[in-house]
């Protein structure tokens, strides 16, 4: 008798490809979020309607009604009094697309999950992980609205704290999904018993921590618009230590709210990584890793070099939308590369 039931390995591969597809959508979501922020579109939708909000204004009167709601909030009253209806449509489309992509990601996750679950294609240990992913995704939507609400007050700018939290949550979900997917595709560690690999794993973890810190500092750069000042490189308007570096009191607020300090910190982390990432790559070349592992470290170095070039260009050109969005996407690409490096160096107990 021929058994036509799919093998467990085939199920794992199908689930992994589905999860990677969801991760790609999240990657696009992060880039679109950057475009939304850079174009000043994030506060154009002043209501959070998870169901009814899927339908955009369809008639001229509906557009006018939506515009009038926007006019009641500080962003229009303090920044955009010159704005006409056609201008409003131009920014509305980015925020609307951002929210719709979020809903699409939810469906792209939920529907296949239910299919795999009801057809008993999931390993018992995998189901709780997928439920956690879905819950985190839902909470991320709430966090996004919580961030937007911070700009619908007297100061028409979203809080850099909430922006950093929103981006951090996206990074966490994205990384967790990829880690689980890669584990399904490559369930057994390949470099676990390579002699001395523990030191490489340790340095790779440090590099990843620095990359995450770099991304979070970038969120504060964006949230405080720190990238619009000191548009020179390598010095900040001719000085390594710029004026106003620690001008705020209490002292710790400089690292969170002082645009000068925030940009300075972002640069310092970049300088450290410009030394540390090549060091980690060079160290990896000295180990007898498998071919895919070496390729992962090559991709890490290449993506980081591209990211540095994008960062410098974005700064010198005073953060144009295209370069700013590419820089944000590049940061996530570097994170993806080093996450894969760590996955290749993982231990059996981390599965």
C-alpha atoms as a PDB file:
ATOM      1  CA  UNK A   1       0.000   0.000   0.000  1.00  0.00           C
ATOM      2  CA  UNK A   2       1.364   3.406  -1.028  1.00  0.00           C
ATOM      3  CA  UNK A   3       1.379   6.071   1.652  1.00  0.00           C
ATOM      4  CA  UNK A   4       0.589   9.449   0.086  1.00  0.00           C
ATOM      5  CA  UNK A   5       0.800  11.337   3.388  1.00  0.00           C
ATOM      6  CA  UNK A   6       3.496  14.030   3.288  1.00  0.00           C
ATOM      7  CA  UNK A   7       6.672  13.212   5.173  1.00  0.00           C
ATOM      8  CA  UNK A   8       7.473  15.231   8.292  1.00  0.00           C
ATOM      9  CA  UNK A   9      10.576  16.662   6.585  1.00  0.00           C
ATOM     10  CA  UNK A  10       8.452  17.860   3.657  1.00  0.00           C
ATOM     11  CA  UNK A  11       6.083  19.540   6.108  1.00  0.00           C
ATOM     12  CA  UNK A  12       9.016  21.247   7.806  1.00  0.00           C
ATOM     13  CA  UNK A  13      10.285  22.581   4.503  1.00  0.00           C
ATOM     14  CA  UNK A  14       6.864  23.920   3.502  1.00  0.00           C
ATOM     15  CA  UNK A  15       6.422  25.573   6.908  1.00  0.00           C
ATOM     16  CA  UNK A  16       9.901  27.074   6.739  1.00  0.00           C
ATOM     17  CA  UNK A  17       9.260  28.589   3.298  1.00  0.00           C
ATOM     18  CA  UNK A  18       5.969  30.022   4.571  1.00  0.00           C
ATOM     19  CA  UNK A  19       7.710  31.586   7.585  1.00  0.00           C
ATOM     20  CA  UNK A  20      10.475  33.037   5.415  1.00  0.00           C
ATOM     21  CA  UNK A  21       7.793  34.578   3.181  1.00  0.00           C
ATOM     22  CA  UNK A  22       6.230  36.195   6.249  1.00  0.00           C
ATOM     23  CA  UNK A  23       9.670  37.466   7.294  1.00  0.00           C
ATOM     24  CA  UNK A  24      10.159  39.019   3.848  1.00  0.00           C
ATOM     25  CA  UNK A  25       6.822  40.818   4.257  1.00  0.00           C
ATOM     26  CA  UNK A  26       7.964  42.101   7.652  1.00  0.00           C
ATOM     27  CA  UNK A  27      11.191  43.307   6.029  1.00  0.00           C
ATOM     28  CA  UNK A  28       9.109  45.239   3.498  1.00  0.00           C
ATOM     29  CA  UNK A  29       6.992  46.550   6.371  1.00  0.00           C
ATOM     30  CA  UNK A  30      10.060  47.980   8.105  1.00  0.00           C
ATOM     31  CA  UNK A  31      11.198  49.734   4.935  1.00  0.00           C
ATOM     32  CA  UNK A  32       7.709  51.101   4.278  1.00  0.00           C
ATOM     33  CA  UNK A  33       7.603  52.281   7.886  1.00  0.00           C
ATOM     34  CA  UNK A  34      10.799  54.205   7.215  1.00  0.00           C
ATOM     35  CA  UNK A  35       9.300  55.795   4.100  1.00  0.00           C
ATOM     36  CA  UNK A  36       6.179  56.685   6.083  1.00  0.00           C
ATOM     37  CA  UNK A  37       8.283  58.423   8.714  1.00  0.00           C
ATOM     38  CA  UNK A  38      10.584  60.191   6.244  1.00  0.00           C
ATOM     39  CA  UNK A  39       7.678  61.565   4.208  1.00  0.00           C
ATOM     40  CA  UNK A  40       5.870  62.806   7.313  1.00  0.00           C
ATOM     41  CA  UNK A  41       2.930  60.520   6.576  1.00  0.00           C
ATOM     42  CA  UNK A  42       2.641  58.662   9.857  1.00  0.00           C
ATOM     43  CA  UNK A  43       0.087  61.016  11.445  1.00  0.00           C
ATOM     44  CA  UNK A  44      -2.172  61.360   8.412  1.00  0.00           C
ATOM     45  CA  UNK A  45      -4.571  58.688   9.712  1.00  0.00           C
ATOM     46  CA  UNK A  46      -5.858  59.951  13.036  1.00  0.00           C
ATOM     47  CA  UNK A  47      -8.069  56.979  13.843  1.00  0.00           C
ATOM     48  CA  UNK A  48      -7.306  53.341  14.533  1.00  0.00           C
ATOM     49  CA  UNK A  49     -10.011  51.205  12.973  1.00  0.00           C
ATOM     50  CA  UNK A  50      -8.695  47.641  12.512  1.00  0.00           C
ATOM     51  CA  UNK A  51     -11.768  46.546  10.510  1.00  0.00           C
ATOM     52  CA  UNK A  52     -13.329  49.639   8.937  1.00  0.00           C
ATOM     53  CA  UNK A  53      -9.907  51.149   8.389  1.00  0.00           C
ATOM     54  CA  UNK A  54      -9.281  48.712   5.552  1.00  0.00           C
ATOM     55  CA  UNK A  55     -11.577  50.751   3.303  1.00  0.00           C
ATOM     56  CA  UNK A  56      -9.928  53.981   2.081  1.00  0.00           C
ATOM     57  CA  UNK A  57     -11.869  57.114   1.117  1.00  0.00           C
ATOM     58  CA  UNK A  58     -13.575  56.349  -2.197  1.00  0.00           C
ATOM     59  CA  UNK A  59     -15.453  59.526  -3.049  1.00  0.00           C
ATOM     60  CA  UNK A  60     -14.380  63.145  -3.064  1.00  0.00           C
ATOM     61  CA  UNK A  61     -16.653  63.813  -0.096  1.00  0.00           C
ATOM     62  CA  UNK A  62     -15.081  60.963   1.888  1.00  0.00           C
ATOM     63  CA  UNK A  63     -11.654  62.375   1.127  1.00  0.00           C
ATOM     64  CA  UNK A  64     -12.782  65.788   2.308  1.00  0.00           C
ATOM     65  CA  UNK A  65     -14.208  64.323   5.526  1.00  0.00           C
ATOM     66  CA  UNK A  66     -10.957  62.459   6.206  1.00  0.00           C
ATOM     67  CA  UNK A  67      -8.945  65.610   5.542  1.00  0.00           C
ATOM     68  CA  UNK A  68     -11.133  67.599   7.935  1.00  0.00           C
ATOM     69  CA  UNK A  69     -10.432  65.064  10.686  1.00  0.00           C
ATOM     70  CA  UNK A  70      -6.714  65.506  10.055  1.00  0.00           C
ATOM     71  CA  UNK A  71      -7.108  69.286  10.243  1.00  0.00           C
ATOM     72  CA  UNK A  72      -8.300  69.001  13.827  1.00  0.00           C
ATOM     73  CA  UNK A  73      -4.904  67.772  15.019  1.00  0.00           C
ATOM     74  CA  UNK A  74      -1.662  69.660  15.799  1.00  0.00           C
ATOM     75  CA  UNK A  75       0.357  68.358  12.843  1.00  0.00           C
ATOM     76  CA  UNK A  76      -1.877  70.225  10.422  1.00  0.00           C
ATOM     77  CA  UNK A  77      -2.349  73.243  12.678  1.00  0.00           C
ATOM     78  CA  UNK A  78       1.353  73.694  13.492  1.00  0.00           C
ATOM     79  CA  UNK A  79       3.174  72.286  10.453  1.00  0.00           C
ATOM     80  CA  UNK A  80       0.901  71.821   7.463  1.00  0.00           C
ATOM     81  CA  UNK A  81      -1.479  74.788   7.307  1.00  0.00           C
ATOM     82  CA  UNK A  82      -0.414  75.206   3.678  1.00  0.00           C
ATOM     83  CA  UNK A  83      -1.593  71.699   2.814  1.00  0.00           C
ATOM     84  CA  UNK A  84      -4.392  71.193   0.278  1.00  0.00           C
ATOM     85  CA  UNK A  85      -6.481  68.068  -0.237  1.00  0.00           C
ATOM     86  CA  UNK A  86      -4.234  66.733  -3.014  1.00  0.00           C
ATOM     87  CA  UNK A  87      -1.180  67.141  -0.765  1.00  0.00           C
ATOM     88  CA  UNK A  88      -2.985  65.253   1.983  1.00  0.00           C
ATOM     89  CA  UNK A  89      -3.759  62.397  -0.383  1.00  0.00           C
ATOM     90  CA  UNK A  90      -0.027  62.158  -1.115  1.00  0.00           C
ATOM     91  CA  UNK A  91       0.908  61.471   2.504  1.00  0.00           C
ATOM     92  CA  UNK A  92      -2.214  59.441   3.353  1.00  0.00           C
ATOM     93  CA  UNK A  93      -1.308  56.753   0.821  1.00  0.00           C
ATOM     94  CA  UNK A  94       1.928  55.826   2.645  1.00  0.00           C
ATOM     95  CA  UNK A  95       0.359  55.428   6.080  1.00  0.00           C
ATOM     96  CA  UNK A  96      -2.618  53.596   4.599  1.00  0.00           C
ATOM     97  CA  UNK A  97      -0.281  51.233   2.716  1.00  0.00           C
ATOM     98  CA  UNK A  98       1.726  50.667   5.898  1.00  0.00           C
ATOM     99  CA  UNK A  99      -1.366  49.670   7.851  1.00  0.00           C
ATOM    100  CA  UNK A 100      -2.723  47.510   5.048  1.00  0.00           C
ATOM    101  CA  UNK A 101       0.584  45.676   4.748  1.00  0.00           C
ATOM    102  CA  UNK A 102       0.381  44.984   8.473  1.00  0.00           C
ATOM    103  CA  UNK A 103      -3.067  43.430   8.007  1.00  0.00           C
ATOM    104  CA  UNK A 104      -1.793  41.427   5.036  1.00  0.00           C
ATOM    105  CA  UNK A 105       1.051  40.056   7.156  1.00  0.00           C
ATOM    106  CA  UNK A 106      -1.483  39.007   9.781  1.00  0.00           C
ATOM    107  CA  UNK A 107      -3.523  37.088   7.212  1.00  0.00           C
ATOM    108  CA  UNK A 108      -0.414  35.657   5.552  1.00  0.00           C
ATOM    109  CA  UNK A 109       0.511  34.208   8.915  1.00  0.00           C
ATOM    110  CA  UNK A 110      -2.880  33.176  10.286  1.00  0.00           C
ATOM    111  CA  UNK A 111      -4.408  31.368   7.308  1.00  0.00           C
ATOM    112  CA  UNK A 112      -1.474  29.007   6.569  1.00  0.00           C
ATOM    113  CA  UNK A 113      -1.051  28.441  10.306  1.00  0.00           C
ATOM    114  CA  UNK A 114      -4.639  27.263  10.599  1.00  0.00           C
ATOM    115  CA  UNK A 115      -4.202  25.064   7.518  1.00  0.00           C
ATOM    116  CA  UNK A 116      -1.075  23.388   8.890  1.00  0.00           C
ATOM    117  CA  UNK A 117      -2.667  23.060  12.321  1.00  0.00           C
ATOM    118  CA  UNK A 118      -5.955  21.473  11.232  1.00  0.00           C
ATOM    119  CA  UNK A 119      -4.208  19.147   8.788  1.00  0.00           C
ATOM    120  CA  UNK A 120      -1.828  18.054  11.549  1.00  0.00           C
ATOM    121  CA  UNK A 121       1.299  19.078   9.677  1.00  0.00           C
ATOM    122  CA  UNK A 122       2.947  20.734  12.685  1.00  0.00           C
ATOM    123  CA  UNK A 123       5.402  19.176  15.079  1.00  0.00           C
ATOM    124  CA  UNK A 124       4.043  19.385  18.663  1.00  0.00           C
ATOM    125  CA  UNK A 125       6.974  21.571  19.730  1.00  0.00           C
ATOM    126  CA  UNK A 126       6.370  24.020  16.873  1.00  0.00           C
ATOM    127  CA  UNK A 127       2.763  24.992  17.614  1.00  0.00           C
ATOM    128  CA  UNK A 128       3.525  27.065  20.761  1.00  0.00           C
ATOM    129  CA  UNK A 129       6.255  28.960  18.891  1.00  0.00           C
ATOM    130  CA  UNK A 130       3.843  29.868  16.093  1.00  0.00           C
ATOM    131  CA  UNK A 131       1.225  31.002  18.602  1.00  0.00           C
ATOM    132  CA  UNK A 132       3.816  33.247  20.247  1.00  0.00           C
ATOM    133  CA  UNK A 133       4.666  34.736  16.834  1.00  0.00           C
ATOM    134  CA  UNK A 134       1.008  35.510  16.140  1.00  0.00           C
ATOM    135  CA  UNK A 135       0.437  37.094  19.565  1.00  0.00           C
ATOM    136  CA  UNK A 136       3.571  39.214  19.181  1.00  0.00           C
ATOM    137  CA  UNK A 137       2.345  40.351  15.770  1.00  0.00           C
ATOM    138  CA  UNK A 138      -0.984  41.442  17.234  1.00  0.00           C
ATOM    139  CA  UNK A 139       0.727  43.315  20.054  1.00  0.00           C
ATOM    140  CA  UNK A 140       2.960  44.990  17.480  1.00  0.00           C
ATOM    141  CA  UNK A 141      -0.124  46.444  15.800  1.00  0.00           C
ATOM    142  CA  UNK A 142      -1.279  47.889  19.121  1.00  0.00           C
ATOM    143  CA  UNK A 143       2.196  49.258  19.771  1.00  0.00           C
ATOM    144  CA  UNK A 144       2.151  50.937  16.356  1.00  0.00           C
ATOM    145  CA  UNK A 145      -1.052  52.788  17.204  1.00  0.00           C
ATOM    146  CA  UNK A 146       0.350  53.659  20.658  1.00  0.00           C
ATOM    147  CA  UNK A 147       3.308  55.226  18.830  1.00  0.00           C
ATOM    148  CA  UNK A 148       1.064  57.199  16.458  1.00  0.00           C
ATOM    149  CA  UNK A 149      -1.006  58.504  19.367  1.00  0.00           C
ATOM    150  CA  UNK A 150       2.104  60.150  20.814  1.00  0.00           C
ATOM    151  CA  UNK A 151       2.114  62.501  17.821  1.00  0.00           C
ATOM    152  CA  UNK A 152      -1.569  63.399  17.970  1.00  0.00           C
ATOM    153  CA  UNK A 153      -0.977  65.787  20.854  1.00  0.00           C
ATOM    154  CA  UNK A 154       0.504  69.269  21.287  1.00  0.00           C
ATOM    155  CA  UNK A 155       3.876  68.240  19.822  1.00  0.00           C
ATOM    156  CA  UNK A 156       3.127  66.731  16.392  1.00  0.00           C
ATOM    157  CA  UNK A 157       6.022  64.264  16.449  1.00  0.00           C
ATOM    158  CA  UNK A 158       5.939  60.659  17.548  1.00  0.00           C
ATOM    159  CA  UNK A 159       7.859  59.812  20.688  1.00  0.00           C
ATOM    160  CA  UNK A 160      11.348  58.493  20.005  1.00  0.00           C
ATOM    161  CA  UNK A 161      10.831  56.067  22.879  1.00  0.00           C
ATOM    162  CA  UNK A 162       7.714  54.579  21.303  1.00  0.00           C
ATOM    163  CA  UNK A 163       9.357  54.592  17.872  1.00  0.00           C
ATOM    164  CA  UNK A 164      12.317  52.631  19.264  1.00  0.00           C
ATOM    165  CA  UNK A 165       9.944  50.209  21.001  1.00  0.00           C
ATOM    166  CA  UNK A 166       7.960  49.717  17.780  1.00  0.00           C
ATOM    167  CA  UNK A 167      11.103  49.014  15.773  1.00  0.00           C
ATOM    168  CA  UNK A 168      12.494  46.737  18.488  1.00  0.00           C
ATOM    169  CA  UNK A 169       9.330  44.658  18.442  1.00  0.00           C
ATOM    170  CA  UNK A 170       9.526  44.340  14.657  1.00  0.00           C
ATOM    171  CA  UNK A 171      13.152  43.198  14.915  1.00  0.00           C
ATOM    172  CA  UNK A 172      12.272  40.661  17.604  1.00  0.00           C
ATOM    173  CA  UNK A 173       9.418  39.138  15.587  1.00  0.00           C
ATOM    174  CA  UNK A 174      11.442  39.126  12.355  1.00  0.00           C
ATOM    175  CA  UNK A 175      14.460  37.485  14.017  1.00  0.00           C
ATOM    176  CA  UNK A 176      12.401  34.884  15.852  1.00  0.00           C
ATOM    177  CA  UNK A 177      10.544  33.869  12.689  1.00  0.00           C
ATOM    178  CA  UNK A 178      13.763  33.496  10.716  1.00  0.00           C
ATOM    179  CA  UNK A 179      15.472  31.541  13.498  1.00  0.00           C
ATOM    180  CA  UNK A 180      12.629  29.025  13.675  1.00  0.00           C
ATOM    181  CA  UNK A 181      12.443  28.751   9.863  1.00  0.00           C
ATOM    182  CA  UNK A 182      16.176  28.137   9.512  1.00  0.00           C
ATOM    183  CA  UNK A 183      15.950  25.524  12.254  1.00  0.00           C
ATOM    184  CA  UNK A 184      13.373  23.637  10.192  1.00  0.00           C
ATOM    185  CA  UNK A 185      15.527  23.786   7.072  1.00  0.00           C
ATOM    186  CA  UNK A 186      18.790  22.934   8.846  1.00  0.00           C
ATOM    187  CA  UNK A 187      17.764  21.110  12.028  1.00  0.00           C
ATOM    188  CA  UNK A 188      21.229  19.857  12.962  1.00  0.00           C
ATOM    189  CA  UNK A 189      24.177  22.109  13.879  1.00  0.00           C
ATOM    190  CA  UNK A 190      26.990  21.780  11.369  1.00  0.00           C
ATOM    191  CA  UNK A 191      29.888  23.450  13.200  1.00  0.00           C
ATOM    192  CA  UNK A 192      29.239  22.437  16.779  1.00  0.00           C
ATOM    193  CA  UNK A 193      32.354  20.329  17.119  1.00  0.00           C
ATOM    194  CA  UNK A 194      34.766  22.546  15.183  1.00  0.00           C
ATOM    195  CA  UNK A 195      37.788  23.032  17.416  1.00  0.00           C
ATOM    196  CA  UNK A 196      37.859  26.435  19.131  1.00  0.00           C
ATOM    197  CA  UNK A 197      34.587  27.587  17.540  1.00  0.00           C
ATOM    198  CA  UNK A 198      33.311  28.748  20.947  1.00  0.00           C
ATOM    199  CA  UNK A 199      35.453  31.891  20.710  1.00  0.00           C
ATOM    200  CA  UNK A 200      34.056  32.702  17.255  1.00  0.00           C
ATOM    201  CA  UNK A 201      30.537  32.191  18.571  1.00  0.00           C
ATOM    202  CA  UNK A 202      31.250  34.560  21.463  1.00  0.00           C
ATOM    203  CA  UNK A 203      32.636  37.299  19.211  1.00  0.00           C
ATOM    204  CA  UNK A 204      29.705  36.878  16.815  1.00  0.00           C
ATOM    205  CA  UNK A 205      27.252  37.350  19.693  1.00  0.00           C
ATOM    206  CA  UNK A 206      29.064  40.535  20.741  1.00  0.00           C
ATOM    207  CA  UNK A 207      28.915  41.814  17.164  1.00  0.00           C
ATOM    208  CA  UNK A 208      25.209  41.056  17.003  1.00  0.00           C
ATOM    209  CA  UNK A 209      24.593  42.922  20.263  1.00  0.00           C
ATOM    210  CA  UNK A 210      26.417  45.929  18.801  1.00  0.00           C
ATOM    211  CA  UNK A 211      24.366  45.738  15.590  1.00  0.00           C
ATOM    212  CA  UNK A 212      21.124  45.663  17.573  1.00  0.00           C
ATOM    213  CA  UNK A 213      22.359  48.624  19.635  1.00  0.00           C
ATOM    214  CA  UNK A 214      23.201  50.421  16.388  1.00  0.00           C
ATOM    215  CA  UNK A 215      19.698  49.859  15.044  1.00  0.00           C
ATOM    216  CA  UNK A 216      18.103  51.093  18.274  1.00  0.00           C
ATOM    217  CA  UNK A 217      20.312  54.179  18.287  1.00  0.00           C
ATOM    218  CA  UNK A 218      19.165  54.742  14.699  1.00  0.00           C
ATOM    219  CA  UNK A 219      15.573  54.748  15.943  1.00  0.00           C
ATOM    220  CA  UNK A 220      16.471  57.542  18.362  1.00  0.00           C
ATOM    221  CA  UNK A 221      18.256  59.388  15.530  1.00  0.00           C
ATOM    222  CA  UNK A 222      15.039  59.161  13.514  1.00  0.00           C
ATOM    223  CA  UNK A 223      12.770  60.013  16.428  1.00  0.00           C
ATOM    224  CA  UNK A 224      14.706  63.157  17.376  1.00  0.00           C
ATOM    225  CA  UNK A 225      15.541  64.078  13.741  1.00  0.00           C
ATOM    226  CA  UNK A 226      19.197  64.042  14.774  1.00  0.00           C
ATOM    227  CA  UNK A 227      20.247  63.093  11.242  1.00  0.00           C
ATOM    228  CA  UNK A 228      19.355  66.575  10.005  1.00  0.00           C
ATOM    229  CA  UNK A 229      22.179  68.165  11.971  1.00  0.00           C
ATOM    230  CA  UNK A 230      25.952  67.853  11.534  1.00  0.00           C
ATOM    231  CA  UNK A 231      25.719  66.645   7.938  1.00  0.00           C
ATOM    232  CA  UNK A 232      29.481  66.245   7.581  1.00  0.00           C
ATOM    233  CA  UNK A 233      31.804  63.248   7.758  1.00  0.00           C
ATOM    234  CA  UNK A 234      33.988  62.049   9.418  1.00  0.00           C
ATOM    235  CA  UNK A 235      33.874  65.016  11.831  1.00  0.00           C
ATOM    236  CA  UNK A 236      30.774  66.756  13.128  1.00  0.00           C
ATOM    237  CA  UNK A 237      31.086  70.260  11.640  1.00  0.00           C
ATOM    238  CA  UNK A 238      34.863  70.066  11.919  1.00  0.00           C
ATOM    239  CA  UNK A 239      35.038  68.635  15.419  1.00  0.00           C
ATOM    240  CA  UNK A 240      35.199  65.128  16.813  1.00  0.00           C
ATOM    241  CA  UNK A 241      33.580  66.346  20.055  1.00  0.00           C
ATOM    242  CA  UNK A 242      30.774  68.671  18.904  1.00  0.00           C
ATOM    243  CA  UNK A 243      29.352  71.600  20.830  1.00  0.00           C
ATOM    244  CA  UNK A 244      26.336  70.764  22.972  1.00  0.00           C
ATOM    245  CA  UNK A 245      27.282  67.106  23.355  1.00  0.00           C
ATOM    246  CA  UNK A 246      26.214  66.909  27.008  1.00  0.00           C
ATOM    247  CA  UNK A 247      24.216  70.106  27.379  1.00  0.00           C
ATOM    248  CA  UNK A 248      21.097  68.534  28.907  1.00  0.00           C
ATOM    249  CA  UNK A 249      20.409  67.873  32.560  1.00  0.00           C
ATOM    250  CA  UNK A 250      20.083  65.350  34.083  1.00  0.00           C
ATOM    251  CA  UNK A 251      23.059  63.834  32.294  1.00  0.00           C
ATOM    252  CA  UNK A 252      21.412  60.589  31.143  1.00  0.00           C
ATOM    253  CA  UNK A 253      18.820  62.491  29.092  1.00  0.00           C
ATOM    254  CA  UNK A 254      21.546  63.448  26.627  1.00  0.00           C
ATOM    255  CA  UNK A 255      21.620  59.843  25.387  1.00  0.00           C
ATOM    256  CA  UNK A 256      17.856  59.776  24.857  1.00  0.00           C
ATOM    257  CA  UNK A 257      16.759  63.305  23.952  1.00  0.00           C
ATOM    258  CA  UNK A 258      19.779  65.387  22.907  1.00  0.00           C
ATOM    259  CA  UNK A 259      20.069  65.180  19.079  1.00  0.00           C
ATOM    260  CA  UNK A 260      23.784  66.039  19.204  1.00  0.00           C
ATOM    261  CA  UNK A 261      24.597  63.218  21.634  1.00  0.00           C
ATOM    262  CA  UNK A 262      22.307  60.779  19.843  1.00  0.00           C
ATOM    263  CA  UNK A 263      24.014  61.334  16.485  1.00  0.00           C
ATOM    264  CA  UNK A 264      27.432  61.184  18.162  1.00  0.00           C
ATOM    265  CA  UNK A 265      26.555  57.845  19.791  1.00  0.00           C
ATOM    266  CA  UNK A 266      25.314  56.473  16.455  1.00  0.00           C
ATOM    267  CA  UNK A 267      28.631  57.392  14.850  1.00  0.00           C
ATOM    268  CA  UNK A 268      30.702  55.894  17.678  1.00  0.00           C
ATOM    269  CA  UNK A 269      28.879  52.571  17.463  1.00  0.00           C
ATOM    270  CA  UNK A 270      29.457  52.606  13.695  1.00  0.00           C
ATOM    271  CA  UNK A 271      33.186  53.225  14.202  1.00  0.00           C
ATOM    272  CA  UNK A 272      33.413  50.308  16.649  1.00  0.00           C
ATOM    273  CA  UNK A 273      31.598  48.035  14.205  1.00  0.00           C
ATOM    274  CA  UNK A 274      33.884  49.152  11.363  1.00  0.00           C
ATOM    275  CA  UNK A 275      36.672  47.469  13.315  1.00  0.00           C
ATOM    276  CA  UNK A 276      34.799  44.607  14.910  1.00  0.00           C
ATOM    277  CA  UNK A 277      32.850  43.213  11.933  1.00  0.00           C
ATOM    278  CA  UNK A 278      35.987  42.765   9.759  1.00  0.00           C
ATOM    279  CA  UNK A 279      37.685  41.209  12.804  1.00  0.00           C
ATOM    280  CA  UNK A 280      34.869  38.668  13.210  1.00  0.00           C
ATOM    281  CA  UNK A 281      34.933  37.935   9.469  1.00  0.00           C
ATOM    282  CA  UNK A 282      38.716  37.424   9.529  1.00  0.00           C
ATOM    283  CA  UNK A 283      38.453  35.205  12.594  1.00  0.00           C
ATOM    284  CA  UNK A 284      35.773  33.067  10.891  1.00  0.00           C
ATOM    285  CA  UNK A 285      38.081  32.498   7.923  1.00  0.00           C
ATOM    286  CA  UNK A 286      40.531  30.715  10.229  1.00  0.00           C
ATOM    287  CA  UNK A 287      38.052  27.985  11.158  1.00  0.00           C
ATOM    288  CA  UNK A 288      37.159  24.849   9.222  1.00  0.00           C
ATOM    289  CA  UNK A 289      33.492  25.799   8.903  1.00  0.00           C
ATOM    290  CA  UNK A 290      31.233  24.379   6.225  1.00  0.00           C
ATOM    291  CA  UNK A 291      30.730  26.289   2.977  1.00  0.00           C
ATOM    292  CA  UNK A 292      27.376  27.823   3.929  1.00  0.00           C
ATOM    293  CA  UNK A 293      28.831  29.133   7.160  1.00  0.00           C
ATOM    294  CA  UNK A 294      31.714  30.834   5.401  1.00  0.00           C
ATOM    295  CA  UNK A 295      29.235  32.288   2.917  1.00  0.00           C
ATOM    296  CA  UNK A 296      27.205  33.685   5.839  1.00  0.00           C
ATOM    297  CA  UNK A 297      30.229  35.563   7.175  1.00  0.00           C
ATOM    298  CA  UNK A 298      31.074  36.853   3.678  1.00  0.00           C
ATOM    299  CA  UNK A 299      27.517  38.193   3.370  1.00  0.00           C
ATOM    300  CA  UNK A 300      27.849  39.819   6.778  1.00  0.00           C
ATOM    301  CA  UNK A 301      30.965  41.718   5.726  1.00  0.00           C
ATOM    302  CA  UNK A 302      29.561  42.739   2.321  1.00  0.00           C
ATOM    303  CA  UNK A 303      26.222  43.898   3.720  1.00  0.00           C
ATOM    304  CA  UNK A 304      27.960  45.865   6.467  1.00  0.00           C
ATOM    305  CA  UNK A 305      30.241  47.683   3.992  1.00  0.00           C
ATOM    306  CA  UNK A 306      27.203  48.591   1.883  1.00  0.00           C
ATOM    307  CA  UNK A 307      25.397  49.785   5.013  1.00  0.00           C
ATOM    308  CA  UNK A 308      28.288  52.056   6.012  1.00  0.00           C
ATOM    309  CA  UNK A 309      28.335  53.612   2.537  1.00  0.00           C
ATOM    310  CA  UNK A 310      24.561  54.125   2.678  1.00  0.00           C
ATOM    311  CA  UNK A 311      24.834  55.683   6.137  1.00  0.00           C
ATOM    312  CA  UNK A 312      27.496  58.182   5.094  1.00  0.00           C
ATOM    313  CA  UNK A 313      25.602  59.093   1.918  1.00  0.00           C
ATOM    314  CA  UNK A 314      22.348  59.507   3.852  1.00  0.00           C
ATOM    315  CA  UNK A 315      24.048  61.836   6.319  1.00  0.00           C
ATOM    316  CA  UNK A 316      25.870  63.957   3.729  1.00  0.00           C
ATOM    317  CA  UNK A 317      22.727  64.371   1.589  1.00  0.00           C
ATOM    318  CA  UNK A 318      20.624  65.316   4.646  1.00  0.00           C
ATOM    319  CA  UNK A 319      18.454  62.210   4.749  1.00  0.00           C
ATOM    320  CA  UNK A 320      16.598  62.010   1.429  1.00  0.00           C
ATOM    321  CA  UNK A 321      13.675  59.597   1.497  1.00  0.00           C
ATOM    322  CA  UNK A 322      15.200  57.047  -0.870  1.00  0.00           C
ATOM    323  CA  UNK A 323      18.552  56.805   0.900  1.00  0.00           C
ATOM    324  CA  UNK A 324      16.968  56.914   4.344  1.00  0.00           C
ATOM    325  CA  UNK A 325      14.723  53.975   3.484  1.00  0.00           C
ATOM    326  CA  UNK A 326      17.628  52.040   1.948  1.00  0.00           C
ATOM    327  CA  UNK A 327      19.709  52.694   5.057  1.00  0.00           C
ATOM    328  CA  UNK A 328      16.952  51.304   7.266  1.00  0.00           C
ATOM    329  CA  UNK A 329      16.596  48.268   5.022  1.00  0.00           C
ATOM    330  CA  UNK A 330      20.361  47.818   5.033  1.00  0.00           C
ATOM    331  CA  UNK A 331      20.425  47.692   8.824  1.00  0.00           C
ATOM    332  CA  UNK A 332      17.947  44.839   8.789  1.00  0.00           C
ATOM    333  CA  UNK A 333      19.986  43.065   6.113  1.00  0.00           C
ATOM    334  CA  UNK A 334      23.113  43.240   8.295  1.00  0.00           C
ATOM    335  CA  UNK A 335      21.101  41.896  11.223  1.00  0.00           C
ATOM    336  CA  UNK A 336      19.826  39.046   9.035  1.00  0.00           C
ATOM    337  CA  UNK A 337      23.350  38.142   7.986  1.00  0.00           C
ATOM    338  CA  UNK A 338      24.767  37.987  11.495  1.00  0.00           C
ATOM    339  CA  UNK A 339      21.696  36.140  12.767  1.00  0.00           C
ATOM    340  CA  UNK A 340      22.369  33.481  10.132  1.00  0.00           C
ATOM    341  CA  UNK A 341      26.022  33.362  11.170  1.00  0.00           C
ATOM    342  CA  UNK A 342      24.920  32.642  14.730  1.00  0.00           C
ATOM    343  CA  UNK A 343      22.473  30.021  13.529  1.00  0.00           C
ATOM    344  CA  UNK A 344      25.282  28.240  11.730  1.00  0.00           C
ATOM    345  CA  UNK A 345      27.337  28.320  14.948  1.00  0.00           C
ATOM    346  CA  UNK A 346      24.539  27.282  17.283  1.00  0.00           C
ATOM    347  CA  UNK A 347      24.650  24.431  19.762  1.00  0.00           C
ATOM    348  CA  UNK A 348      22.311  21.443  19.793  1.00  0.00           C
ATOM    349  CA  UNK A 349      20.629  22.704  22.969  1.00  0.00           C
ATOM    350  CA  UNK A 350      19.576  25.913  21.175  1.00  0.00           C
ATOM    351  CA  UNK A 351      17.213  24.041  18.831  1.00  0.00           C
END
